PDB file of all heavy atoms in Angstrom:
ATOM      1  N   ALA A   1       0.830  -1.206   0.000  1.00  0.00           N
ATOM      2  CA  ALA A   1       0.000   0.000   0.000  1.00  0.00           C
ATOM      3  C   ALA A   1       0.865   1.256   0.000  1.00  0.00           C
ATOM      4  O   ALA A   1       0.588   2.207  -0.738  1.00  0.00           O
ATOM      5  CB  ALA A   1      -0.924  -0.002   1.210  1.00  0.00           C
ATOM      6  N   ALA A   2       1.921   1.273   0.794  1.00  0.00           N
ATOM      7  CA  ALA A   2       2.801   2.441   0.857  1.00  0.00           C
ATOM      8  C   ALA A   2       3.501   2.670  -0.478  1.00  0.00           C
ATOM      9  O   ALA A   2       3.572   3.808  -0.971  1.00  0.00           O
ATOM     10  CB  ALA A   2       3.828   2.267   1.975  1.00  0.00           C
ATOM     11  N   LEU A   3       4.002   1.608  -1.091  1.00  0.00           N
ATOM     12  CA  LEU A   3       4.705   1.758  -2.373  1.00  0.00           C
ATOM     13  C   LEU A   3       3.744   2.153  -3.484  1.00  0.00           C
ATOM     14  O   LEU A   3       4.072   2.992  -4.331  1.00  0.00           O
ATOM     15  CB  LEU A   3       5.460   0.477  -2.717  1.00  0.00           C
ATOM     16  CG  LEU A   3       6.580   0.110  -1.737  1.00  0.00           C
ATOM     17  CD1 LEU A   3       7.197  -1.234  -2.103  1.00  0.00           C
ATOM     18  CD2 LEU A   3       7.633   1.200  -1.667  1.00  0.00           C
ATOM     19  N   ARG A   4       2.544   1.578  -3.485  1.00  0.00           N
ATOM     20  CA  ARG A   4       1.539   1.965  -4.490  1.00  0.00           C
ATOM     21  C   ARG A   4       1.106   3.412  -4.315  1.00  0.00           C
ATOM     22  O   ARG A   4       0.745   4.076  -5.269  1.00  0.00           O
ATOM     23  CB  ARG A   4       0.333   1.048  -4.415  1.00  0.00           C
ATOM     24  CG  ARG A   4       0.591  -0.311  -4.995  1.00  0.00           C
ATOM     25  CD  ARG A   4      -0.641  -1.175  -4.952  1.00  0.00           C
ATOM     26  NE  ARG A   4      -0.354  -2.461  -5.548  1.00  0.00           N
ATOM     27  CZ  ARG A   4      -0.879  -3.599  -5.155  1.00  0.00           C
ATOM     28  NH1 ARG A   4      -1.765  -3.616  -4.162  1.00  0.00           N
ATOM     29  NH2 ARG A   4      -0.562  -4.729  -5.750  1.00  0.00           N
ATOM     30  N   ALA A   5       1.151   3.897  -3.082  1.00  0.00           N
ATOM     31  CA  ALA A   5       0.776   5.284  -2.811  1.00  0.00           C
ATOM     32  C   ALA A   5       1.857   6.272  -3.250  1.00  0.00           C
ATOM     33  O   ALA A   5       1.608   7.469  -3.301  1.00  0.00           O
ATOM     34  CB  ALA A   5       0.490   5.468  -1.326  1.00  0.00           C
ATOM     35  N   GLY A   6       3.032   5.756  -3.568  1.00  0.00           N
ATOM     36  CA  GLY A   6       4.100   6.630  -4.051  1.00  0.00           C
ATOM     37  C   GLY A   6       5.303   6.751  -3.147  1.00  0.00           C
ATOM     38  O   GLY A   6       6.195   7.560  -3.405  1.00  0.00           O
ATOM     39  N   ALA A   7       5.377   5.954  -2.086  1.00  0.00           N
ATOM     40  CA  ALA A   7       6.529   6.019  -1.188  1.00  0.00           C
ATOM     41  C   ALA A   7       7.800   5.624  -1.933  1.00  0.00           C
ATOM     42  O   ALA A   7       7.792   4.711  -2.756  1.00  0.00           O
ATOM     43  CB  ALA A   7       6.328   5.100   0.012  1.00  0.00           C
ATOM     44  N   ALA A   8       8.879   6.319  -1.628  1.00  0.00           N
ATOM     45  CA  ALA A   8      10.175   6.009  -2.221  1.00  0.00           C
ATOM     46  C   ALA A   8      10.870   4.884  -1.471  1.00  0.00           C
ATOM     47  O   ALA A   8      11.835   4.314  -1.959  1.00  0.00           O
ATOM     48  CB  ALA A   8      11.065   7.249  -2.213  1.00  0.00           C
ATOM     49  N   GLY A   9      10.367   4.578  -0.291  1.00  0.00           N
ATOM     50  CA  GLY A   9      11.002   3.531   0.484  1.00  0.00           C
ATOM     51  C   GLY A   9      10.196   3.138   1.689  1.00  0.00           C
ATOM     52  O   GLY A   9       9.212   3.789   2.046  1.00  0.00           O
ATOM     53  N   PHE A  10      10.652   2.066   2.317  1.00  0.00           N
ATOM     54  CA  PHE A  10       9.950   1.495   3.452  1.00  0.00           C
ATOM     55  C   PHE A  10      10.980   0.913   4.401  1.00  0.00           C
ATOM     56  O   PHE A  10      11.689  -0.031   4.058  1.00  0.00           O
ATOM     57  CB  PHE A  10       9.009   0.390   2.954  1.00  0.00           C
ATOM     58  CG  PHE A  10       8.065  -0.123   3.983  1.00  0.00           C
ATOM     59  CD1 PHE A  10       6.781   0.381   4.068  1.00  0.00           C
ATOM     60  CD2 PHE A  10       8.449  -1.115   4.863  1.00  0.00           C
ATOM     61  CE1 PHE A  10       5.887  -0.100   5.014  1.00  0.00           C
ATOM     62  CE2 PHE A  10       7.568  -1.607   5.812  1.00  0.00           C
ATOM     63  CZ  PHE A  10       6.284  -1.098   5.894  1.00  0.00           C
ATOM     64  N   LEU A  11      11.092   1.504   5.592  1.00  0.00           N
ATOM     65  CA  LEU A  11      12.020   1.026   6.606  1.00  0.00           C
ATOM     66  C   LEU A  11      11.286   0.802   7.920  1.00  0.00           C
ATOM     67  O   LEU A  11      10.241   1.406   8.164  1.00  0.00           O
ATOM     68  CB  LEU A  11      13.143   2.035   6.851  1.00  0.00           C
ATOM     69  CG  LEU A  11      14.232   2.134   5.800  1.00  0.00           C
ATOM     70  CD1 LEU A  11      15.256   3.185   6.226  1.00  0.00           C
ATOM     71  CD2 LEU A  11      14.915   0.813   5.575  1.00  0.00           C
ATOM     72  N   LEU A  12      11.878  -0.011   8.755  1.00  0.00           N
ATOM     73  CA  LEU A  12      11.315  -0.268  10.066  1.00  0.00           C
ATOM     74  C   LEU A  12      11.966   0.647  11.091  1.00  0.00           C
ATOM     75  O   LEU A  12      13.127   1.036  10.955  1.00  0.00           O
ATOM     76  CB  LEU A  12      11.532  -1.728  10.441  1.00  0.00           C
ATOM     77  CG  LEU A  12      10.900  -2.717   9.459  1.00  0.00           C
ATOM     78  CD1 LEU A  12      11.286  -4.143   9.822  1.00  0.00           C
ATOM     79  CD2 LEU A  12       9.399  -2.545   9.420  1.00  0.00           C
ATOM     80  N   LYS A  13      11.200   0.942  12.148  1.00  0.00           N
ATOM     81  CA  LYS A  13      11.696   1.867  13.166  1.00  0.00           C
ATOM     82  C   LYS A  13      12.890   1.313  13.930  1.00  0.00           C
ATOM     83  O   LYS A  13      13.624   2.077  14.546  1.00  0.00           O
ATOM     84  CB  LYS A  13      10.578   2.244  14.138  1.00  0.00           C
ATOM     85  CG  LYS A  13       9.589   3.197  13.518  1.00  0.00           C
ATOM     86  CD  LYS A  13       8.573   3.672  14.527  1.00  0.00           C
ATOM     87  CE  LYS A  13       7.623   4.658  13.870  1.00  0.00           C
ATOM     88  NZ  LYS A  13       6.627   5.154  14.832  1.00  0.00           N
ATOM     89  N   ASN A  14      13.116   0.021  13.864  1.00  0.00           N
ATOM     90  CA  ASN A  14      14.276  -0.538  14.541  1.00  0.00           C
ATOM     91  C   ASN A  14      15.524  -0.532  13.651  1.00  0.00           C
ATOM     92  O   ASN A  14      16.541  -1.125  13.993  1.00  0.00           O
ATOM     93  CB  ASN A  14      13.994  -1.948  15.066  1.00  0.00           C
ATOM     94  CG  ASN A  14      13.746  -2.956  13.954  1.00  0.00           C
ATOM     95  OD1 ASN A  14      13.692  -2.615  12.778  1.00  0.00           O
ATOM     96  ND2 ASN A  14      13.568  -4.210  14.345  1.00  0.00           N
ATOM     97  N   SER A  15      15.462   0.163  12.513  1.00  0.00           N
ATOM     98  CA  SER A  15      16.621   0.276  11.621  1.00  0.00           C
ATOM     99  C   SER A  15      17.744   1.017  12.331  1.00  0.00           C
ATOM    100  O   SER A  15      17.501   1.946  13.108  1.00  0.00           O
ATOM    101  CB  SER A  15      16.242   1.032  10.342  1.00  0.00           C
ATOM    102  OG  SER A  15      15.257   0.341   9.627  1.00  0.00           O
ATOM    103  N   HIS A  16      18.952   0.627  12.036  1.00  0.00           N
ATOM    104  CA  HIS A  16      20.127   1.290  12.608  1.00  0.00           C
ATOM    105  C   HIS A  16      20.171   2.730  12.084  1.00  0.00           C
ATOM    106  O   HIS A  16      19.819   2.991  10.931  1.00  0.00           O
ATOM    107  CB  HIS A  16      21.390   0.535  12.190  1.00  0.00           C
ATOM    108  CG  HIS A  16      22.609   0.996  12.894  1.00  0.00           C
ATOM    109  ND1 HIS A  16      23.345   2.073  12.465  1.00  0.00           N
ATOM    110  CD2 HIS A  16      23.213   0.543  14.024  1.00  0.00           C
ATOM    111  CE1 HIS A  16      24.363   2.259  13.288  1.00  0.00           C
ATOM    112  NE2 HIS A  16      24.305   1.337  14.247  1.00  0.00           N
ATOM    113  N   PRO A  17      20.581   3.685  12.910  1.00  0.00           N
ATOM    114  CA  PRO A  17      20.643   5.089  12.468  1.00  0.00           C
ATOM    115  C   PRO A  17      21.451   5.290  11.183  1.00  0.00           C
ATOM    116  O   PRO A  17      21.075   6.112  10.342  1.00  0.00           O
ATOM    117  CB  PRO A  17      21.295   5.812  13.649  1.00  0.00           C
ATOM    118  CG  PRO A  17      20.930   4.984  14.836  1.00  0.00           C
ATOM    119  CD  PRO A  17      20.922   3.553  14.338  1.00  0.00           C
ATOM    120  N   ASP A  18      22.533   4.538  11.005  1.00  0.00           N
ATOM    121  CA  ASP A  18      23.315   4.657   9.771  1.00  0.00           C
ATOM    122  C   ASP A  18      22.503   4.207   8.560  1.00  0.00           C
ATOM    123  O   ASP A  18      22.584   4.799   7.483  1.00  0.00           O
ATOM    124  CB  ASP A  18      24.601   3.837   9.850  1.00  0.00           C
ATOM    125  CG  ASP A  18      25.605   4.407  10.829  1.00  0.00           C
ATOM    126  OD1 ASP A  18      25.501   5.613  11.173  1.00  0.00           O
ATOM    127  OD2 ASP A  18      26.499   3.650  11.270  1.00  0.00           O
ATOM    128  N   GLN A  19      21.722   3.135   8.742  1.00  0.00           N
ATOM    129  CA  GLN A  19      20.871   2.650   7.652  1.00  0.00           C
ATOM    130  C   GLN A  19      19.799   3.677   7.316  1.00  0.00           C
ATOM    131  O   GLN A  19      19.501   3.908   6.142  1.00  0.00           O
ATOM    132  CB  GLN A  19      20.222   1.321   8.054  1.00  0.00           C
ATOM    133  CG  GLN A  19      19.393   0.694   6.952  1.00  0.00           C
ATOM    134  CD  GLN A  19      18.711  -0.580   7.406  1.00  0.00           C
ATOM    135  OE1 GLN A  19      18.491  -0.800   8.608  1.00  0.00           O
ATOM    136  NE2 GLN A  19      18.367  -1.427   6.461  1.00  0.00           N
ATOM    137  N   LEU A  20      19.247   4.299   8.332  1.00  0.00           N
ATOM    138  CA  LEU A  20      18.234   5.330   8.117  1.00  0.00           C
ATOM    139  C   LEU A  20      18.826   6.523   7.366  1.00  0.00           C
ATOM    140  O   LEU A  20      18.237   7.016   6.402  1.00  0.00           O
ATOM    141  CB  LEU A  20      17.628   5.768   9.444  1.00  0.00           C
ATOM    142  CG  LEU A  20      16.554   6.842   9.383  1.00  0.00           C
ATOM    143  CD1 LEU A  20      15.406   6.434   8.479  1.00  0.00           C
ATOM    144  CD2 LEU A  20      16.049   7.158  10.786  1.00  0.00           C
ATOM    145  N   ALA A  21      20.007   6.965   7.780  1.00  0.00           N
ATOM    146  CA  ALA A  21      20.659   8.094   7.092  1.00  0.00           C
ATOM    147  C   ALA A  21      20.953   7.751   5.641  1.00  0.00           C
ATOM    148  O   ALA A  21      20.723   8.568   4.739  1.00  0.00           O
ATOM    149  CB  ALA A  21      21.943   8.472   7.827  1.00  0.00           C
ATOM    150  N   GLN A  22      21.442   6.542   5.389  1.00  0.00           N
ATOM    151  CA  GLN A  22      21.720   6.113   4.017  1.00  0.00           C
ATOM    152  C   GLN A  22      20.428   6.045   3.198  1.00  0.00           C
ATOM    153  O   GLN A  22      20.401   6.445   2.032  1.00  0.00           O
ATOM    154  CB  GLN A  22      22.407   4.759   4.033  1.00  0.00           C
ATOM    155  CG  GLN A  22      22.787   4.255   2.657  1.00  0.00           C
ATOM    156  CD  GLN A  22      23.478   2.902   2.716  1.00  0.00           C
ATOM    157  OE1 GLN A  22      23.634   2.304   3.777  1.00  0.00           O
ATOM    158  NE2 GLN A  22      23.891   2.411   1.566  1.00  0.00           N
ATOM    159  N   ALA A  23      19.348   5.576   3.810  1.00  0.00           N
ATOM    160  CA  ALA A  23      18.060   5.482   3.118  1.00  0.00           C
ATOM    161  C   ALA A  23      17.526   6.860   2.756  1.00  0.00           C
ATOM    162  O   ALA A  23      16.985   7.061   1.666  1.00  0.00           O
ATOM    163  CB  ALA A  23      17.051   4.730   3.985  1.00  0.00           C
ATOM    164  N   ILE A  24      17.685   7.815   3.646  1.00  0.00           N
ATOM    165  CA  ILE A  24      17.237   9.185   3.366  1.00  0.00           C
ATOM    166  C   ILE A  24      18.009   9.750   2.175  1.00  0.00           C
ATOM    167  O   ILE A  24      17.427  10.334   1.266  1.00  0.00           O
ATOM    168  CB  ILE A  24      17.391  10.077   4.614  1.00  0.00           C
ATOM    169  CG1 ILE A  24      16.386   9.638   5.681  1.00  0.00           C
ATOM    170  CG2 ILE A  24      17.211  11.552   4.257  1.00  0.00           C
ATOM    171  CD1 ILE A  24      16.629  10.249   7.047  1.00  0.00           C
ATOM    172  N   ARG A  25      19.321   9.553   2.170  1.00  0.00           N
ATOM    173  CA  ARG A  25      20.129  10.041   1.036  1.00  0.00           C
ATOM    174  C   ARG A  25      19.721   9.359  -0.265  1.00  0.00           C
ATOM    175  O   ARG A  25      19.601  10.001  -1.306  1.00  0.00           O
ATOM    176  CB  ARG A  25      21.616   9.826   1.317  1.00  0.00           C
ATOM    177  CG  ARG A  25      22.195  10.795   2.331  1.00  0.00           C
ATOM    178  CD  ARG A  25      23.719  10.709   2.395  1.00  0.00           C
ATOM    179  NE  ARG A  25      24.183   9.438   2.927  1.00  0.00           N
ATOM    180  CZ  ARG A  25      24.341   9.164   4.217  1.00  0.00           C
ATOM    181  NH1 ARG A  25      24.071  10.091   5.128  1.00  0.00           N
ATOM    182  NH2 ARG A  25      24.772   7.980   4.609  1.00  0.00           N
ATOM    183  N   ALA A  26      19.504   8.052  -0.205  1.00  0.00           N
ATOM    184  CA  ALA A  26      19.109   7.313  -1.406  1.00  0.00           C
ATOM    185  C   ALA A  26      17.752   7.780  -1.925  1.00  0.00           C
ATOM    186  O   ALA A  26      17.591   8.025  -3.128  1.00  0.00           O
ATOM    187  CB  ALA A  26      19.074   5.813  -1.112  1.00  0.00           C
ATOM    188  N   ALA A  27      16.779   7.920  -1.043  1.00  0.00           N
ATOM    189  CA  ALA A  27      15.448   8.376  -1.457  1.00  0.00           C
ATOM    190  C   ALA A  27      15.514   9.795  -2.021  1.00  0.00           C
ATOM    191  O   ALA A  27      14.887  10.093  -3.041  1.00  0.00           O
ATOM    192  CB  ALA A  27      14.472   8.310  -0.292  1.00  0.00           C
ATOM    193  N   ALA A  28      16.288  10.652  -1.387  1.00  0.00           N
ATOM    194  CA  ALA A  28      16.430  12.026  -1.882  1.00  0.00           C
ATOM    195  C   ALA A  28      17.070  12.043  -3.265  1.00  0.00           C
ATOM    196  O   ALA A  28      16.779  12.926  -4.072  1.00  0.00           O
ATOM    197  CB  ALA A  28      17.261  12.852  -0.903  1.00  0.00           C
ATOM    198  N   GLY A  29      17.893  11.052  -3.545  1.00  0.00           N
ATOM    199  CA  GLY A  29      18.533  10.956  -4.852  1.00  0.00           C
ATOM    200  C   GLY A  29      17.709  10.225  -5.894  1.00  0.00           C
ATOM    201  O   GLY A  29      18.167   9.968  -6.998  1.00  0.00           O
ATOM    202  N   GLY A  30      16.486   9.852  -5.535  1.00  0.00           N
ATOM    203  CA  GLY A  30      15.599   9.207  -6.503  1.00  0.00           C
ATOM    204  C   GLY A  30      15.635   7.687  -6.493  1.00  0.00           C
ATOM    205  O   GLY A  30      15.007   7.043  -7.322  1.00  0.00           O
ATOM    206  N   GLU A  31      16.361   7.103  -5.558  1.00  0.00           N
ATOM    207  CA  GLU A  31      16.442   5.647  -5.473  1.00  0.00           C
ATOM    208  C   GLU A  31      15.320   5.092  -4.607  1.00  0.00           C
ATOM    209  O   GLU A  31      14.747   5.804  -3.786  1.00  0.00           O
ATOM    210  CB  GLU A  31      17.793   5.234  -4.880  1.00  0.00           C
ATOM    211  CG  GLU A  31      18.984   5.657  -5.707  1.00  0.00           C
ATOM    212  CD  GLU A  31      19.025   4.993  -7.062  1.00  0.00           C
ATOM    213  OE1 GLU A  31      18.632   3.811  -7.169  1.00  0.00           O
ATOM    214  OE2 GLU A  31      19.445   5.655  -8.022  1.00  0.00           O
ATOM    215  N   ALA A  32      15.055   3.818  -4.762  1.00  0.00           N
ATOM    216  CA  ALA A  32      14.077   3.129  -3.923  1.00  0.00           C
ATOM    217  C   ALA A  32      14.808   2.425  -2.788  1.00  0.00           C
ATOM    218  O   ALA A  32      15.932   1.958  -2.970  1.00  0.00           O
ATOM    219  CB  ALA A  32      13.305   2.110  -4.755  1.00  0.00           C
ATOM    220  N   VAL A  33      14.176   2.359  -1.641  1.00  0.00           N
ATOM    221  CA  VAL A  33      14.798   1.773  -0.455  1.00  0.00           C
ATOM    222  C   VAL A  33      13.802   0.854   0.238  1.00  0.00           C
ATOM    223  O   VAL A  33      12.657   1.237   0.453  1.00  0.00           O
ATOM    224  CB  VAL A  33      15.224   2.879   0.545  1.00  0.00           C
ATOM    225  CG1 VAL A  33      15.886   2.276   1.759  1.00  0.00           C
ATOM    226  CG2 VAL A  33      16.120   3.896  -0.118  1.00  0.00           C
ATOM    227  N   LEU A  34      14.250  -0.350   0.578  1.00  0.00           N
ATOM    228  CA  LEU A  34      13.411  -1.277   1.330  1.00  0.00           C
ATOM    229  C   LEU A  34      14.212  -1.857   2.487  1.00  0.00           C
ATOM    230  O   LEU A  34      15.413  -2.105   2.356  1.00  0.00           O
ATOM    231  CB  LEU A  34      12.931  -2.432   0.448  1.00  0.00           C
ATOM    232  CG  LEU A  34      11.981  -2.083  -0.683  1.00  0.00           C
ATOM    233  CD1 LEU A  34      11.714  -3.310  -1.535  1.00  0.00           C
ATOM    234  CD2 LEU A  34      10.685  -1.514  -0.142  1.00  0.00           C
ATOM    235  N   ALA A  35      13.533  -2.100   3.586  1.00  0.00           N
ATOM    236  CA  ALA A  35      14.162  -2.780   4.714  1.00  0.00           C
ATOM    237  C   ALA A  35      14.647  -4.139   4.235  1.00  0.00           C
ATOM    238  O   ALA A  35      14.006  -4.782   3.400  1.00  0.00           O
ATOM    239  CB  ALA A  35      13.155  -2.946   5.847  1.00  0.00           C
ATOM    240  N   PRO A  36      15.796  -4.606   4.722  1.00  0.00           N
ATOM    241  CA  PRO A  36      16.311  -5.902   4.280  1.00  0.00           C
ATOM    242  C   PRO A  36      15.309  -7.045   4.411  1.00  0.00           C
ATOM    243  O   PRO A  36      15.211  -7.888   3.519  1.00  0.00           O
ATOM    244  CB  PRO A  36      17.529  -6.123   5.183  1.00  0.00           C
ATOM    245  CG  PRO A  36      17.987  -4.744   5.515  1.00  0.00           C
ATOM    246  CD  PRO A  36      16.719  -3.931   5.640  1.00  0.00           C
ATOM    247  N   SER A  37      14.537  -7.081   5.475  1.00  0.00           N
ATOM    248  CA  SER A  37      13.557  -8.154   5.640  1.00  0.00           C
ATOM    249  C   SER A  37      12.453  -8.076   4.589  1.00  0.00           C
ATOM    250  O   SER A  37      11.962  -9.096   4.101  1.00  0.00           O
ATOM    251  CB  SER A  37      12.946  -8.120   7.040  1.00  0.00           C
ATOM    252  OG  SER A  37      12.327  -6.869   7.276  1.00  0.00           O
TER     253      SER A  37
END
């Protein structure tokens, strides 16, 4: 539902802060991001 709505990515709140920062940069650059699971 989130991806169909237009989300650039989907992460879980238990993601490591470094992973979150990398995901923000990737999404801002137009990339798609998904939690490893």
